[in-house]
């Protein structure tokens, strides 16, 4: 599941800049945004997000929380600029990238909420572990087991 779209990226980066960071196939450069390069960067960012949140949430998520969309946009913009060594990654981009990673760590540790139910603890077999305590009488008590 991709957590953002090309339109989300366009909301933060002007088209002329997107052309600069995607249309680098010289001498075949044609001045157009290469959507496949943007989609690849989005997929890589989304995979990174999944690696952090996959222990706490069942994937794919039922919906895309806004905070994950924002994180994906920041990671994708950084990835697009990083793929070209001649493009300068600004301090602001580095800060947003580092903040996105820090937030993903907080989400993974349960310190930040994304507004979805967690899957709960999972044991080594991959099955969800749960318990129910309602205060009712024990089915198997010490006394009932002695009579067996």
Foldseek 3Di string as FASTA:
>chain_A
DFQEAPVLLCVPDPQQVQLVLAQPPPPVRDSGRDRVLLVVLRVVLVVVLCVLCVQWAPPPDPDRFPLSSQLSSLSSVVVSQVVDPVRDDDPVSVVSNVVSVVVSNCNSVVNDDRPDHTQAHADPVRDHDDDDDDPDDDPDDPVVVVVD
